[in-house]
Amino acid sequence: MKKLVLAAALAGAASTAYAGNLAEPIVEAPVIVEEATGSSAGILLPLLLLVIVAAAVASD
């Protein structure tokens, strides 16, 4: 009788030890945020346009 109880306990413990499923895990892509370096990054294009316009006006 003891062997039957021990076998039942081991079978119960072995069956409940399984955790997880067979589905593939969902992996989300990391979010990459690119920031401009330097404090003058936002003013570079307007200054370049200003230089081009000033050169066009000066050449007339």
PDB file of N, CA and C in Angstrom:
ATOM      1  N   MET A   1       0.816  -1.189   0.000  1.00  0.00           N
ATOM      2  CA  MET A   1       0.000   0.000   0.000  1.00  0.00           C
ATOM      3  C   MET A   1       0.867   1.263   0.000  1.00  0.00           C
ATOM      4  N   LYS A   2       1.983   1.225   0.729  1.00  0.00           N
ATOM      5  CA  LYS A   2       2.869   2.377   0.784  1.00  0.00           C
ATOM      6  C   LYS A   2       3.465   2.660  -0.589  1.00  0.00           C
ATOM      7  N   LYS A   3       3.788   1.605  -1.324  1.00  0.00           N
ATOM      8  CA  LYS A   3       4.370   1.786  -2.656  1.00  0.00           C
ATOM      9  C   LYS A   3       3.364   2.419  -3.606  1.00  0.00           C
ATOM     10  N   LEU A   4       2.110   2.076  -3.480  1.00  0.00           N
ATOM     11  CA  LEU A   4       1.065   2.635  -4.333  1.00  0.00           C
ATOM     12  C   LEU A   4       0.892   4.131  -4.043  1.00  0.00           C
ATOM     13  N   VAL A   5       0.905   4.513  -2.773  1.00  0.00           N
ATOM     14  CA  VAL A   5       0.773   5.921  -2.400  1.00  0.00           C
ATOM     15  C   VAL A   5       2.000   6.697  -2.866  1.00  0.00           C
ATOM     16  N   LEU A   6       3.179   6.099  -2.692  1.00  0.00           N
ATOM     17  CA  LEU A   6       4.404   6.764  -3.129  1.00  0.00           C
ATOM     18  C   LEU A   6       4.420   6.935  -4.641  1.00  0.00           C
ATOM     19  N   ALA A   7       3.998   5.922  -5.383  1.00  0.00           N
ATOM     20  CA  ALA A   7       3.945   6.014  -6.844  1.00  0.00           C
ATOM     21  C   ALA A   7       2.943   7.073  -7.287  1.00  0.00           C
ATOM     22  N   ALA A   8       1.810   7.150  -6.621  1.00  0.00           N
ATOM     23  CA  ALA A   8       0.800   8.158  -6.963  1.00  0.00           C
ATOM     24  C   ALA A   8       1.324   9.566  -6.670  1.00  0.00           C
ATOM     25  N   ALA A   9       2.042   9.723  -5.549  1.00  0.00           N
ATOM     26  CA  ALA A   9       2.589  11.031  -5.203  1.00  0.00           C
ATOM     27  C   ALA A   9       3.655  11.452  -6.202  1.00  0.00           C
ATOM     28  N   LEU A  10       4.526  10.536  -6.591  1.00  0.00           N
ATOM     29  CA  LEU A  10       5.557  10.859  -7.574  1.00  0.00           C
ATOM     30  C   LEU A  10       4.956  11.158  -8.941  1.00  0.00           C
ATOM     31  N   ALA A  11       3.938  10.411  -9.330  1.00  0.00           N
ATOM     32  CA  ALA A  11       3.285  10.662 -10.614  1.00  0.00           C
ATOM     33  C   ALA A  11       2.588  12.023 -10.608  1.00  0.00           C
ATOM     34  N   GLY A  12       1.965  12.355  -9.497  1.00  0.00           N
ATOM     35  CA  GLY A  12       1.307  13.654  -9.383  1.00  0.00           C
ATOM     36  C   GLY A  12       2.298  14.797  -9.410  1.00  0.00           C
ATOM     37  N   ALA A  13       3.427  14.611  -8.734  1.00  0.00           N
ATOM     38  CA  ALA A  13       4.447  15.656  -8.715  1.00  0.00           C
ATOM     39  C   ALA A  13       5.094  15.814 -10.085  1.00  0.00           C
ATOM     40  N   ALA A  14       5.272  14.733 -10.798  1.00  0.00           N
ATOM     41  CA  ALA A  14       5.894  14.797 -12.118  1.00  0.00           C
ATOM     42  C   ALA A  14       4.965  15.442 -13.138  1.00  0.00           C
ATOM     43  N   SER A  15       3.677  15.201 -13.028  1.00  0.00           N
ATOM     44  CA  SER A  15       2.752  15.761 -14.015  1.00  0.00           C
ATOM     45  C   SER A  15       2.528  17.250 -13.797  1.00  0.00           C
ATOM     46  N   THR A  16       2.630  17.731 -12.574  1.00  0.00           N
ATOM     47  CA  THR A  16       2.410  19.153 -12.331  1.00  0.00           C
ATOM     48  C   THR A  16       3.684  19.966 -12.501  1.00  0.00           C
ATOM     49  N   ALA A  17       4.807  19.307 -12.721  1.00  0.00           N
ATOM     50  CA  ALA A  17       6.063  20.027 -12.866  1.00  0.00           C
ATOM     51  C   ALA A  17       6.192  20.660 -14.246  1.00  0.00           C
ATOM     52  N   TYR A  18       5.356  20.252 -15.216  1.00  0.00           N
ATOM     53  CA  TYR A  18       5.426  20.801 -16.563  1.00  0.00           C
ATOM     54  C   TYR A  18       4.789  22.185 -16.585  1.00  0.00           C
ATOM     55  N   ALA A  19       5.531  23.144 -17.087  1.00  0.00           N
ATOM     56  CA  ALA A  19       5.001  24.501 -17.197  1.00  0.00           C
ATOM     57  C   ALA A  19       5.441  25.088 -18.528  1.00  0.00           C
ATOM     58  N   GLY A  20       4.555  25.781 -19.174  1.00  0.00           N
ATOM     59  CA  GLY A  20       4.869  26.395 -20.455  1.00  0.00           C
ATOM     60  C   GLY A  20       3.987  25.841 -21.557  1.00  0.00           C
ATOM     61  N   ASN A  21       4.174  26.350 -22.777  1.00  0.00           N
ATOM     62  CA  ASN A  21       3.427  25.803 -23.896  1.00  0.00           C
ATOM     63  C   ASN A  21       4.328  25.758 -25.119  1.00  0.00           C
ATOM     64  N   LEU A  22       3.795  25.245 -26.200  1.00  0.00           N
ATOM     65  CA  LEU A  22       4.597  25.033 -27.397  1.00  0.00           C
ATOM     66  C   LEU A  22       4.556  26.201 -28.373  1.00  0.00           C
ATOM     67  N   ALA A  23       3.839  27.250 -28.027  1.00  0.00           N
ATOM     68  CA  ALA A  23       3.753  28.411 -28.913  1.00  0.00           C
ATOM     69  C   ALA A  23       5.071  29.179 -28.895  1.00  0.00           C
ATOM     70  N   GLU A  24       5.384  29.779 -30.036  1.00  0.00           N
ATOM     71  CA  GLU A  24       6.606  30.570 -30.132  1.00  0.00           C
ATOM     72  C   GLU A  24       6.462  31.830 -29.270  1.00  0.00           C
ATOM     73  N   PRO A  25       7.511  32.239 -28.589  1.00  0.00           N
ATOM     74  CA  PRO A  25       7.414  33.466 -27.791  1.00  0.00           C
ATOM     75  C   PRO A  25       7.326  34.690 -28.694  1.00  0.00           C
ATOM     76  N   ILE A  26       6.591  35.686 -28.239  1.00  0.00           N
ATOM     77  CA  ILE A  26       6.433  36.929 -28.987  1.00  0.00           C
ATOM     78  C   ILE A  26       7.526  37.895 -28.537  1.00  0.00           C
ATOM     79  N   VAL A  27       8.381  38.247 -29.477  1.00  0.00           N
ATOM     80  CA  VAL A  27       9.487  39.148 -29.168  1.00  0.00           C
ATOM     81  C   VAL A  27       9.238  40.461 -29.886  1.00  0.00           C
ATOM     82  N   GLU A  28       9.137  41.532 -29.122  1.00  0.00           N
ATOM     83  CA  GLU A  28       8.906  42.843 -29.730  1.00  0.00           C
ATOM     84  C   GLU A  28      10.244  43.498 -30.045  1.00  0.00           C
ATOM     85  N   ALA A  29      10.271  44.219 -31.137  1.00  0.00           N
ATOM     86  CA  ALA A  29      11.497  44.917 -31.536  1.00  0.00           C
ATOM     87  C   ALA A  29      11.766  46.065 -30.567  1.00  0.00           C
ATOM     88  N   PRO A  30      13.004  46.286 -30.225  1.00  0.00           N
ATOM     89  CA  PRO A  30      13.301  47.404 -29.318  1.00  0.00           C
ATOM     90  C   PRO A  30      13.085  48.748 -30.006  1.00  0.00           C
ATOM     91  N   VAL A  31      12.662  49.720 -29.248  1.00  0.00           N
ATOM     92  CA  VAL A  31      12.423  51.063 -29.770  1.00  0.00           C
ATOM     93  C   VAL A  31      13.747  51.823 -29.733  1.00  0.00           C
ATOM     94  N   ILE A  32      14.164  52.298 -30.890  1.00  0.00           N
ATOM     95  CA  ILE A  32      15.425  53.031 -30.996  1.00  0.00           C
ATOM     96  C   ILE A  32      15.103  54.493 -31.269  1.00  0.00           C
ATOM     97  N   VAL A  33      15.530  55.349 -30.374  1.00  0.00           N
ATOM     98  CA  VAL A  33      15.283  56.782 -30.519  1.00  0.00           C
ATOM     99  C   VAL A  33      16.609  57.445 -30.839  1.00  0.00           C
ATOM    100  N   GLU A  34      16.650  58.078 -32.010  1.00  0.00           N
ATOM    101  CA  GLU A  34      17.870  58.776 -32.401  1.00  0.00           C
ATOM    102  C   GLU A  34      17.695  60.257 -32.115  1.00  0.00           C
ATOM    103  N   GLU A  35      18.627  60.795 -31.386  1.00  0.00           N
ATOM    104  CA  GLU A  35      18.575  62.214 -31.065  1.00  0.00           C
ATOM    105  C   GLU A  35      19.754  62.916 -31.734  1.00  0.00           C
ATOM    106  N   ALA A  36      19.512  64.139 -32.134  1.00  0.00           N
ATOM    107  CA  ALA A  36      20.581  64.920 -32.741  1.00  0.00           C
ATOM    108  C   ALA A  36      21.591  65.302 -31.674  1.00  0.00           C
ATOM    109  N   THR A  37      22.844  65.234 -32.037  1.00  0.00           N
ATOM    110  CA  THR A  37      23.874  65.587 -31.069  1.00  0.00           C
ATOM    111  C   THR A  37      24.242  67.054 -31.221  1.00  0.00           C
ATOM    112  N   GLY A  38      24.505  67.685 -30.150  1.00  0.00           N
ATOM    113  CA  GLY A  38      24.884  69.098 -30.178  1.00  0.00           C
ATOM    114  C   GLY A  38      23.681  70.001 -30.018  1.00  0.00           C
ATOM    115  N   SER A  39      23.915  71.223 -29.611  1.00  0.00           N
ATOM    116  CA  SER A  39      22.811  72.153 -29.379  1.00  0.00           C
ATOM    117  C   SER A  39      22.392  72.870 -30.655  1.00  0.00           C
ATOM    118  N   SER A  40      23.228  72.858 -31.687  1.00  0.00           N
ATOM    119  CA  SER A  40      22.913  73.602 -32.900  1.00  0.00           C
ATOM    120  C   SER A  40      22.368  72.714 -34.008  1.00  0.00           C
ATOM    121  N   ALA A  41      21.918  71.511 -33.673  1.00  0.00           N
ATOM    122  CA  ALA A  41      21.456  70.579 -34.704  1.00  0.00           C
ATOM    123  C   ALA A  41      20.180  71.074 -35.378  1.00  0.00           C
ATOM    124  N   GLY A  42      19.303  71.763 -34.651  1.00  0.00           N
ATOM    125  CA  GLY A  42      18.044  72.225 -35.222  1.00  0.00           C
ATOM    126  C   GLY A  42      18.160  73.518 -35.993  1.00  0.00           C
ATOM    127  N   ILE A  43      19.258  74.199 -35.911  1.00  0.00           N
ATOM    128  CA  ILE A  43      19.401  75.497 -36.568  1.00  0.00           C
ATOM    129  C   ILE A  43      20.302  75.418 -37.805  1.00  0.00           C
ATOM    130  N   LEU A  44      20.866  74.258 -38.051  1.00  0.00           N
ATOM    131  CA  LEU A  44      21.817  74.115 -39.154  1.00  0.00           C
ATOM    132  C   LEU A  44      21.158  74.343 -40.512  1.00  0.00           C
ATOM    133  N   LEU A  45      20.019  73.742 -40.763  1.00  0.00           N
ATOM    134  CA  LEU A  45      19.355  73.888 -42.061  1.00  0.00           C
ATOM    135  C   LEU A  45      18.885  75.323 -42.317  1.00  0.00           C
ATOM    136  N   PRO A  46      18.248  75.997 -41.372  1.00  0.00           N
ATOM    137  CA  PRO A  46      17.883  77.400 -41.638  1.00  0.00           C
ATOM    138  C   PRO A  46      19.088  78.297 -41.898  1.00  0.00           C
ATOM    139  N   LEU A  47      20.187  78.070 -41.193  1.00  0.00           N
ATOM    140  CA  LEU A  47      21.379  78.873 -41.452  1.00  0.00           C
ATOM    141  C   LEU A  47      21.944  78.608 -42.845  1.00  0.00           C
ATOM    142  N   LEU A  48      21.902  77.356 -43.273  1.00  0.00           N
ATOM    143  CA  LEU A  48      22.378  77.017 -44.615  1.00  0.00           C
ATOM    144  C   LEU A  48      21.503  77.679 -45.684  1.00  0.00           C
ATOM    145  N   LEU A  49      20.197  77.676 -45.484  1.00  0.00           N
ATOM    146  CA  LEU A  49      19.299  78.341 -46.437  1.00  0.00           C
ATOM    147  C   LEU A  49      19.536  79.855 -46.448  1.00  0.00           C
ATOM    148  N   LEU A  50      19.798  80.416 -45.281  1.00  0.00           N
ATOM    149  CA  LEU A  50      20.075  81.847 -45.205  1.00  0.00           C
ATOM    150  C   LEU A  50      21.352  82.199 -45.964  1.00  0.00           C
ATOM    151  N   VAL A  51      22.370  81.387 -45.856  1.00  0.00           N
ATOM    152  CA  VAL A  51      23.620  81.631 -46.580  1.00  0.00           C
ATOM    153  C   VAL A  51      23.395  81.522 -48.084  1.00  0.00           C
ATOM    154  N   ILE A  52      22.601  80.561 -48.521  1.00  0.00           N
ATOM    155  CA  ILE A  52      22.326  80.394 -49.955  1.00  0.00           C
ATOM    156  C   ILE A  52      21.562  81.600 -50.491  1.00  0.00           C
ATOM    157  N   VAL A  53      20.542  82.063 -49.748  1.00  0.00           N
ATOM    158  CA  VAL A  53      19.767  83.227 -50.180  1.00  0.00           C
ATOM    159  C   VAL A  53      20.638  84.474 -50.180  1.00  0.00           C
ATOM    160  N   ALA A  54      21.468  84.626 -49.186  1.00  0.00           N
ATOM    161  CA  ALA A  54      22.365  85.800 -49.135  1.00  0.00           C
ATOM    162  C   ALA A  54      23.352  85.776 -50.280  1.00  0.00           C
ATOM    163  N   ALA A  55      23.846  84.613 -50.659  1.00  0.00           N
ATOM    164  CA  ALA A  55      24.775  84.511 -51.797  1.00  0.00           C
ATOM    165  C   ALA A  55      24.055  84.814 -53.100  1.00  0.00           C
ATOM    166  N   ALA A  56      22.791  84.407 -53.217  1.00  0.00           N
ATOM    167  CA  ALA A  56      22.035  84.684 -54.447  1.00  0.00           C
ATOM    168  C   ALA A  56      21.731  86.174 -54.571  1.00  0.00           C
ATOM    169  N   VAL A  57      21.419  86.821 -53.454  1.00  0.00           N
ATOM    170  CA  VAL A  57      21.126  88.259 -53.484  1.00  0.00           C
ATOM    171  C   VAL A  57      22.398  89.051 -53.760  1.00  0.00           C
ATOM    172  N   ALA A  58      23.510  88.640 -53.208  1.00  0.00           N
ATOM    173  CA  ALA A  58      24.771  89.359 -53.380  1.00  0.00           C
ATOM    174  C   ALA A  58      25.312  89.226 -54.808  1.00  0.00           C
ATOM    175  N   SER A  59      24.959  88.190 -55.513  1.00  0.00           N
ATOM    176  CA  SER A  59      25.473  87.985 -56.856  1.00  0.00           C
ATOM    177  C   SER A  59      24.721  88.816 -57.894  1.00  0.00           C
ATOM    178  N   ASP A  60      23.581  89.419 -57.525  1.00  0.00           N
ATOM    179  CA  ASP A  60      22.818  90.244 -58.479  1.00  0.00           C
ATOM    180  C   ASP A  60      23.444  91.561 -58.710  1.00  0.00           C
TER     181      ASP A  60
END
